Structure formats: C-alpha cells, structure tokens
PDB file of N, CA and C in Angstrom:
ATOM      1  N   MET A   1      42.089 -85.249  27.471  1.00  0.00           N
ATOM      2  CA  MET A   1      40.928 -85.018  28.328  1.00  0.00           C
ATOM      3  C   MET A   1      41.579 -83.967  29.201  1.00  0.00           C
ATOM      4  N   THR A   2      40.788 -83.035  29.871  1.00  0.00           N
ATOM      5  CA  THR A   2      41.016 -81.965  30.476  1.00  0.00           C
ATOM      6  C   THR A   2      40.153 -82.217  31.837  1.00  0.00           C
ATOM      7  N   THR A   3      41.042 -81.646  33.007  1.00  0.00           N
ATOM      8  CA  THR A   3      40.157 -81.841  34.349  1.00  0.00           C
ATOM      9  C   THR A   3      39.735 -80.453  34.589  1.00  0.00           C
ATOM     10  N   ARG A   4      38.433 -80.568  35.301  1.00  0.00           N
ATOM     11  CA  ARG A   4      37.996 -79.455  35.984  1.00  0.00           C
ATOM     12  C   ARG A   4      38.690 -78.957  37.214  1.00  0.00           C
ATOM     13  N   LYS A   5      39.218 -77.485  37.303  1.00  0.00           N
ATOM     14  CA  LYS A   5      39.704 -77.461  38.532  1.00  0.00           C
ATOM     15  C   LYS A   5      38.818 -76.807  39.606  1.00  0.00           C
ATOM     16  N   LYS A   6      39.037 -77.683  40.596  1.00  0.00           N
ATOM     17  CA  LYS A   6      37.999 -77.070  41.825  1.00  0.00           C
ATOM     18  C   LYS A   6      38.430 -75.985  42.773  1.00  0.00           C
ATOM     19  N   TYR A   7      37.338 -75.324  43.088  1.00  0.00           N
ATOM     20  CA  TYR A   7      37.726 -73.980  44.122  1.00  0.00           C
ATOM     21  C   TYR A   7      37.110 -74.472  45.321  1.00  0.00           C
ATOM     22  N   SER A   8      37.846 -73.782  46.318  1.00  0.00           N
ATOM     23  CA  SER A   8      37.291 -74.131  47.558  1.00  0.00           C
ATOM     24  C   SER A   8      36.087 -73.024  47.985  1.00  0.00           C
ATOM     25  N   LYS A   9      35.074 -73.553  49.104  1.00  0.00           N
ATOM     26  CA  LYS A   9      34.168 -72.362  49.580  1.00  0.00           C
ATOM     27  C   LYS A   9      34.727 -71.097  49.804  1.00  0.00           C
ATOM     28  N   GLU A  10      36.039 -71.026  50.537  1.00  0.00           N
ATOM     29  CA  GLU A  10      36.566 -69.784  51.054  1.00  0.00           C
ATOM     30  C   GLU A  10      37.047 -69.205  49.655  1.00  0.00           C
ATOM     31  N   PHE A  11      37.414 -69.592  48.827  1.00  0.00           N
ATOM     32  CA  PHE A  11      37.996 -68.813  47.469  1.00  0.00           C
ATOM     33  C   PHE A  11      36.815 -68.118  46.865  1.00  0.00           C
ATOM     34  N   LYS A  12      35.838 -68.969  46.828  1.00  0.00           N
ATOM     35  CA  LYS A  12      34.517 -68.767  46.160  1.00  0.00           C
ATOM     36  C   LYS A  12      33.933 -67.284  46.882  1.00  0.00           C
ATOM     37  N   LEU A  13      33.732 -67.433  48.358  1.00  0.00           N
ATOM     38  CA  LEU A  13      33.292 -66.371  48.870  1.00  0.00           C
ATOM     39  C   LEU A  13      34.013 -65.060  48.692  1.00  0.00           C
ATOM     40  N   ASP A  14      35.346 -65.496  48.990  1.00  0.00           N
ATOM     41  CA  ASP A  14      36.213 -64.337  48.860  1.00  0.00           C
ATOM     42  C   ASP A  14      36.127 -63.487  47.569  1.00  0.00           C
ATOM     43  N   ALA A  15      35.907 -64.317  46.363  1.00  0.00           N
ATOM     44  CA  ALA A  15      35.703 -63.605  45.036  1.00  0.00           C
ATOM     45  C   ALA A  15      34.427 -63.066  45.042  1.00  0.00           C
ATOM     46  N   ILE A  16      33.429 -63.470  45.556  1.00  0.00           N
ATOM     47  CA  ILE A  16      32.008 -62.980  45.711  1.00  0.00           C
ATOM     48  C   ILE A  16      32.262 -61.540  46.460  1.00  0.00           C
ATOM     49  N   SER A  17      32.961 -61.676  47.557  1.00  0.00           N
ATOM     50  CA  SER A  17      32.969 -60.387  48.416  1.00  0.00           C
ATOM     51  C   SER A  17      33.744 -59.226  47.717  1.00  0.00           C
ATOM     52  N   LEU A  18      34.707 -59.531  46.779  1.00  0.00           N
ATOM     53  CA  LEU A  18      35.341 -58.431  45.837  1.00  0.00           C
ATOM     54  C   LEU A  18      34.375 -57.823  45.187  1.00  0.00           C
ATOM     55  N   VAL A  19      33.092 -58.620  44.638  1.00  0.00           N
ATOM     56  CA  VAL A  19      32.317 -57.854  43.672  1.00  0.00           C
ATOM     57  C   VAL A  19      31.060 -56.948  44.692  1.00  0.00           C
ATOM     58  N   LEU A  20      30.597 -57.884  45.597  1.00  0.00           N
ATOM     59  CA  LEU A  20      29.434 -57.500  46.202  1.00  0.00           C
ATOM     60  C   LEU A  20      29.795 -56.414  47.521  1.00  0.00           C
ATOM     61  N   ASP A  21      31.145 -56.534  48.231  1.00  0.00           N
ATOM     62  CA  ASP A  21      31.382 -55.643  49.387  1.00  0.00           C
ATOM     63  C   ASP A  21      32.515 -54.882  49.091  1.00  0.00           C
ATOM     64  N   GLN A  22      33.453 -55.113  48.172  1.00  0.00           N
ATOM     65  CA  GLN A  22      34.595 -54.060  48.067  1.00  0.00           C
ATOM     66  C   GLN A  22      34.190 -53.298  46.563  1.00  0.00           C
ATOM     67  N   GLY A  23      33.130 -53.536  46.011  1.00  0.00           N
ATOM     68  CA  GLY A  23      33.098 -52.741  44.775  1.00  0.00           C
ATOM     69  C   GLY A  23      33.916 -52.898  43.495  1.00  0.00           C
ATOM     70  N   TYR A  24      34.539 -54.048  43.330  1.00  0.00           N
ATOM     71  CA  TYR A  24      35.180 -54.360  42.179  1.00  0.00           C
ATOM     72  C   TYR A  24      34.179 -54.609  41.090  1.00  0.00           C
ATOM     73  N   SER A  25      34.332 -54.540  39.880  1.00  0.00           N
ATOM     74  CA  SER A  25      33.653 -55.032  38.766  1.00  0.00           C
ATOM     75  C   SER A  25      33.765 -56.645  38.606  1.00  0.00           C
ATOM     76  N   GLN A  26      32.827 -57.328  38.156  1.00  0.00           N
ATOM     77  CA  GLN A  26      32.984 -58.739  38.001  1.00  0.00           C
ATOM     78  C   GLN A  26      34.070 -58.981  37.093  1.00  0.00           C
ATOM     79  N   THR A  27      34.084 -58.233  36.085  1.00  0.00           N
ATOM     80  CA  THR A  27      35.502 -58.521  35.188  1.00  0.00           C
ATOM     81  C   THR A  27      36.639 -58.434  35.756  1.00  0.00           C
ATOM     82  N   ASP A  28      36.946 -57.278  36.657  1.00  0.00           N
ATOM     83  CA  ASP A  28      38.202 -56.864  37.212  1.00  0.00           C
ATOM     84  C   ASP A  28      38.414 -57.912  38.186  1.00  0.00           C
ATOM     85  N   ALA A  29      37.226 -58.267  39.108  1.00  0.00           N
ATOM     86  CA  ALA A  29      37.945 -59.485  39.932  1.00  0.00           C
ATOM     87  C   ALA A  29      38.125 -60.694  39.474  1.00  0.00           C
ATOM     88  N   ALA A  30      37.446 -61.246  38.486  1.00  0.00           N
ATOM     89  CA  ALA A  30      37.590 -62.356  37.701  1.00  0.00           C
ATOM     90  C   ALA A  30      38.889 -62.263  37.238  1.00  0.00           C
ATOM     91  N   ARG A  31      39.293 -61.338  36.413  1.00  0.00           N
ATOM     92  CA  ARG A  31      40.928 -61.247  35.894  1.00  0.00           C
ATOM     93  C   ARG A  31      41.867 -61.407  36.842  1.00  0.00           C
ATOM     94  N   SER A  32      41.895 -60.691  38.099  1.00  0.00           N
ATOM     95  CA  SER A  32      42.780 -60.680  39.081  1.00  0.00           C
ATOM     96  C   SER A  32      42.923 -62.239  39.714  1.00  0.00           C
ATOM     97  N   LEU A  33      41.738 -62.839  39.807  1.00  0.00           N
ATOM     98  CA  LEU A  33      41.658 -64.137  40.626  1.00  0.00           C
ATOM     99  C   LEU A  33      41.988 -65.285  39.429  1.00  0.00           C
ATOM    100  N   GLY A  34      42.165 -64.850  38.028  1.00  0.00           N
ATOM    101  CA  GLY A  34      42.308 -66.023  37.112  1.00  0.00           C
ATOM    102  C   GLY A  34      41.368 -66.771  36.708  1.00  0.00           C
ATOM    103  N   ILE A  35      40.149 -66.563  36.953  1.00  0.00           N
ATOM    104  CA  ILE A  35      39.015 -67.290  36.584  1.00  0.00           C
ATOM    105  C   ILE A  35      38.160 -66.179  35.506  1.00  0.00           C
ATOM    106  N   THR A  36      37.163 -66.874  35.015  1.00  0.00           N
ATOM    107  CA  THR A  36      36.238 -66.250  33.912  1.00  0.00           C
ATOM    108  C   THR A  36      35.162 -65.437  34.492  1.00  0.00           C
ATOM    109  N   PRO A  37      34.822 -64.444  33.968  1.00  0.00           N
ATOM    110  CA  PRO A  37      33.761 -63.455  34.540  1.00  0.00           C
ATOM    111  C   PRO A  37      32.429 -64.281  34.589  1.00  0.00           C
ATOM    112  N   ASN A  38      32.324 -64.941  33.589  1.00  0.00           N
ATOM    113  CA  ASN A  38      31.044 -66.004  33.689  1.00  0.00           C
ATOM    114  C   ASN A  38      31.167 -66.795  34.944  1.00  0.00           C
ATOM    115  N   MET A  39      31.989 -67.545  35.212  1.00  0.00           N
ATOM    116  CA  MET A  39      32.201 -68.363  36.374  1.00  0.00           C
ATOM    117  C   MET A  39      32.026 -67.674  37.898  1.00  0.00           C
ATOM    118  N   LEU A  40      32.503 -66.416  37.752  1.00  0.00           N
ATOM    119  CA  LEU A  40      32.199 -65.361  38.944  1.00  0.00           C
ATOM    120  C   LEU A  40      31.032 -64.997  39.004  1.00  0.00           C
ATOM    121  N   GLY A  41      30.169 -64.763  37.878  1.00  0.00           N
ATOM    122  CA  GLY A  41      28.679 -64.516  37.817  1.00  0.00           C
ATOM    123  C   GLY A  41      27.984 -65.661  38.432  1.00  0.00           C
ATOM    124  N   ARG A  42      28.430 -66.720  37.801  1.00  0.00           N
ATOM    125  CA  ARG A  42      27.602 -68.060  38.548  1.00  0.00           C
ATOM    126  C   ARG A  42      27.636 -67.985  39.882  1.00  0.00           C
ATOM    127  N   TRP A  43      28.657 -67.950  40.517  1.00  0.00           N
ATOM    128  CA  TRP A  43      28.886 -68.012  41.918  1.00  0.00           C
ATOM    129  C   TRP A  43      28.064 -67.061  42.526  1.00  0.00           C
ATOM    130  N   ILE A  44      28.148 -65.810  41.921  1.00  0.00           N
ATOM    131  CA  ILE A  44      27.310 -64.738  42.574  1.00  0.00           C
ATOM    132  C   ILE A  44      25.894 -65.191  42.891  1.00  0.00           C
ATOM    133  N   ARG A  45      25.468 -65.560  41.448  1.00  0.00           N
ATOM    134  CA  ARG A  45      23.833 -65.836  41.302  1.00  0.00           C
ATOM    135  C   ARG A  45      23.424 -67.085  42.306  1.00  0.00           C
ATOM    136  N   GLU A  46      24.395 -68.093  42.374  1.00  0.00           N
ATOM    137  CA  GLU A  46      24.118 -69.169  43.336  1.00  0.00           C
ATOM    138  C   GLU A  46      24.122 -68.714  44.781  1.00  0.00           C
ATOM    139  N   HIS A  47      25.112 -67.577  45.118  1.00  0.00           N
ATOM    140  CA  HIS A  47      25.183 -66.993  46.508  1.00  0.00           C
ATOM    141  C   HIS A  47      23.871 -66.491  46.889  1.00  0.00           C
ATOM    142  N   ARG A  48      23.255 -65.437  45.764  1.00  0.00           N
ATOM    143  CA  ARG A  48      22.209 -64.901  46.052  1.00  0.00           C
ATOM    144  C   ARG A  48      20.995 -65.656  46.316  1.00  0.00           C
ATOM    145  N   ARG A  49      20.907 -66.858  45.176  1.00  0.00           N
ATOM    146  CA  ARG A  49      19.761 -67.690  45.325  1.00  0.00           C
ATOM    147  C   ARG A  49      19.370 -68.555  46.518  1.00  0.00           C
ATOM    148  N   ASP A  50      20.709 -68.739  47.150  1.00  0.00           N
ATOM    149  CA  ASP A  50      20.788 -69.656  48.183  1.00  0.00           C
ATOM    150  C   ASP A  50      20.620 -68.919  49.686  1.00  0.00           C
ATOM    151  N   ASP A  51      20.570 -67.560  49.663  1.00  0.00           N
ATOM    152  CA  ASP A  51      20.707 -66.529  50.762  1.00  0.00           C
ATOM    153  C   ASP A  51      21.810 -66.827  51.451  1.00  0.00           C
ATOM    154  N   GLY A  52      23.051 -66.852  50.509  1.00  0.00           N
ATOM    155  CA  GLY A  52      24.314 -66.968  51.206  1.00  0.00           C
ATOM    156  C   GLY A  52      24.818 -68.054  51.901  1.00  0.00           C
ATOM    157  N   GLN A  53      23.866 -69.444  51.588  1.00  0.00           N
ATOM    158  CA  GLN A  53      24.126 -70.427  52.092  1.00  0.00           C
ATOM    159  C   GLN A  53      24.870 -71.638  50.918  1.00  0.00           C
ATOM    160  N   ALA A  54      25.375 -70.904  49.974  1.00  0.00           N
ATOM    161  CA  ALA A  54      25.616 -71.559  48.812  1.00  0.00           C
ATOM    162  C   ALA A  54      27.064 -72.351  49.218  1.00  0.00           C
ATOM    163  N   PHE A  55      27.682 -73.246  48.298  1.00  0.00           N
ATOM    164  CA  PHE A  55      29.031 -73.626  48.415  1.00  0.00           C
ATOM    165  C   PHE A  55      29.027 -74.490  49.978  1.00  0.00           C
ATOM    166  N   ARG A  56      28.314 -75.139  50.358  1.00  0.00           N
ATOM    167  CA  ARG A  56      28.367 -76.060  51.302  1.00  0.00           C
ATOM    168  C   ARG A  56      29.540 -77.014  51.711  1.00  0.00           C
ATOM    169  N   GLY A  57      29.603 -77.795  50.540  1.00  0.00           N
ATOM    170  CA  GLY A  57      30.588 -78.878  50.511  1.00  0.00           C
ATOM    171  C   GLY A  57      30.249 -79.614  49.723  1.00  0.00           C
ATOM    172  N   ASN A  58      30.317 -81.073  50.096  1.00  0.00           N
ATOM    173  CA  ASN A  58      29.952 -82.068  48.809  1.00  0.00           C
ATOM    174  C   ASN A  58      28.408 -82.155  48.764  1.00  0.00           C
ATOM    175  N   GLY A  59      27.648 -81.384  49.236  1.00  0.00           N
ATOM    176  CA  GLY A  59      26.154 -81.768  48.710  1.00  0.00           C
ATOM    177  C   GLY A  59      25.248 -82.631  49.631  1.00  0.00           C
ATOM    178  N   LYS A  60      26.034 -83.412  50.415  1.00  0.00           N
ATOM    179  CA  LYS A  60      25.301 -84.086  51.726  1.00  0.00           C
ATOM    180  C   LYS A  60      24.981 -83.709  52.811  1.00  0.00           C
ATOM    181  N   LEU A  61      23.692 -83.459  52.937  1.00  0.00           N
ATOM    182  CA  LEU A  61      22.965 -82.747  54.094  1.00  0.00           C
ATOM    183  C   LEU A  61      22.571 -83.913  55.058  1.00  0.00           C
ATOM    184  N   THR A  62      22.835 -83.266  56.266  1.00  0.00           N
ATOM    185  CA  THR A  62      22.333 -84.280  57.471  1.00  0.00           C
ATOM    186  C   THR A  62      20.702 -83.936  57.508  1.00  0.00           C
ATOM    187  N   PRO A  63      20.063 -84.833  57.897  1.00  0.00           N
ATOM    188  CA  PRO A  63      18.606 -84.853  58.060  1.00  0.00           C
ATOM    189  C   PRO A  63      18.133 -83.275  58.545  1.00  0.00           C
ATOM    190  N   GLU A  64      18.755 -82.905  59.632  1.00  0.00           N
ATOM    191  CA  GLU A  64      18.621 -81.624  60.311  1.00  0.00           C
ATOM    192  C   GLU A  64      18.783 -80.500  59.317  1.00  0.00           C
ATOM    193  N   GLN A  65      19.732 -80.718  58.612  1.00  0.00           N
ATOM    194  CA  GLN A  65      20.272 -79.367  57.500  1.00  0.00           C
ATOM    195  C   GLN A  65      19.177 -79.507  56.426  1.00  0.00           C
ATOM    196  N   GLU A  66      18.646 -80.758  56.146  1.00  0.00           N
ATOM    197  CA  GLU A  66      17.888 -80.785  55.054  1.00  0.00           C
ATOM    198  C   GLU A  66      16.250 -80.216  55.517  1.00  0.00           C
ATOM    199  N   GLU A  67      15.744 -80.558  56.630  1.00  0.00           N
ATOM    200  CA  GLU A  67      14.733 -79.860  57.079  1.00  0.00           C
ATOM    201  C   GLU A  67      14.802 -78.335  57.313  1.00  0.00           C
ATOM    202  N   ILE A  68      16.106 -77.947  57.809  1.00  0.00           N
ATOM    203  CA  ILE A  68      16.106 -76.294  57.896  1.00  0.00           C
ATOM    204  C   ILE A  68      16.151 -75.994  56.656  1.00  0.00           C
ATOM    205  N   ARG A  69      16.684 -76.342  55.458  1.00  0.00           N
ATOM    206  CA  ARG A  69      16.547 -76.001  54.108  1.00  0.00           C
ATOM    207  C   ARG A  69      15.264 -76.037  53.870  1.00  0.00           C
ATOM    208  N   ARG A  70      14.597 -77.116  53.888  1.00  0.00           N
ATOM    209  CA  ARG A  70      13.098 -77.007  53.499  1.00  0.00           C
ATOM    210  C   ARG A  70      12.271 -75.885  54.131  1.00  0.00           C
ATOM    211  N   LEU A  71      12.357 -75.921  55.467  1.00  0.00           N
ATOM    212  CA  LEU A  71      11.416 -74.751  56.325  1.00  0.00           C
ATOM    213  C   LEU A  71      11.805 -73.230  55.707  1.00  0.00           C
ATOM    214  N   LYS A  72      13.142 -73.100  55.765  1.00  0.00           N
ATOM    215  CA  LYS A  72      13.486 -71.676  55.080  1.00  0.00           C
ATOM    216  C   LYS A  72      13.061 -71.557  53.806  1.00  0.00           C
ATOM    217  N   ALA A  73      12.865 -72.403  52.699  1.00  0.00           N
ATOM    218  CA  ALA A  73      12.172 -72.255  51.387  1.00  0.00           C
ATOM    219  C   ALA A  73      10.582 -72.019  51.677  1.00  0.00           C
ATOM    220  N   GLN A  74      10.092 -72.929  52.842  1.00  0.00           N
ATOM    221  CA  GLN A  74       8.665 -72.562  52.905  1.00  0.00           C
ATOM    222  C   GLN A  74       8.344 -71.166  53.353  1.00  0.00           C
ATOM    223  N   VAL A  75       9.223 -70.801  54.412  1.00  0.00           N
ATOM    224  CA  VAL A  75       9.032 -69.193  55.125  1.00  0.00           C
ATOM    225  C   VAL A  75       9.233 -68.276  53.890  1.00  0.00           C
ATOM    226  N   LYS A  76      10.262 -68.570  52.824  1.00  0.00           N
ATOM    227  CA  LYS A  76      10.422 -67.565  51.632  1.00  0.00           C
ATOM    228  C   LYS A  76       9.188 -67.588  51.063  1.00  0.00           C
ATOM    229  N   ARG A  77       8.654 -68.523  50.641  1.00  0.00           N
ATOM    230  CA  ARG A  77       7.382 -68.492  49.790  1.00  0.00           C
ATOM    231  C   ARG A  77       6.356 -67.968  50.642  1.00  0.00           C
ATOM    232  N   LEU A  78       5.983 -68.064  52.019  1.00  0.00           N
ATOM    233  CA  LEU A  78       4.992 -67.396  52.539  1.00  0.00           C
ATOM    234  C   LEU A  78       5.298 -65.924  52.688  1.00  0.00           C
TER     235      LEU A  78
END
C-alpha cells in the first residue's frame, strides 16, 4: 500500500507562481519540483477556479468564511 504525499499550501502556490508569474513551462516547473505536470496543472486549474483562494487548509470553513465564499460566487454569477 502506498501513501499519498501531501504538499503544503505554500509549496503549491510557489509551484503555481513558477508557471504563471515566472514564465516556466508547466513541464519544466513540475520536473524541477519532482512532481508530475498533471498534478501541477490541476493545482493551476484549482487556483484559477477559486480566484486564488485554493488550498486553504483542511476544508473546514468558519460560518463567516462560508458566507464570504457564497457571496463571492453570487457576485461572480451576477
């Protein structure tokens, strides 16, 4: 049985920055970090989809955070 490696929020954001801000190709950035290009691509998609708010932690939001998320989604729809 294999265990999945967990990456910190900071690691993911740094990896995304290599591609989006520093001009590295997704393949080159992934190779230099020891991850797969598919994984990095998924992180980038999640980051864009969540307006930069991806990778917040364990997924448990406070009621205030949940309301903010709901309202941001509503504003986006409008």
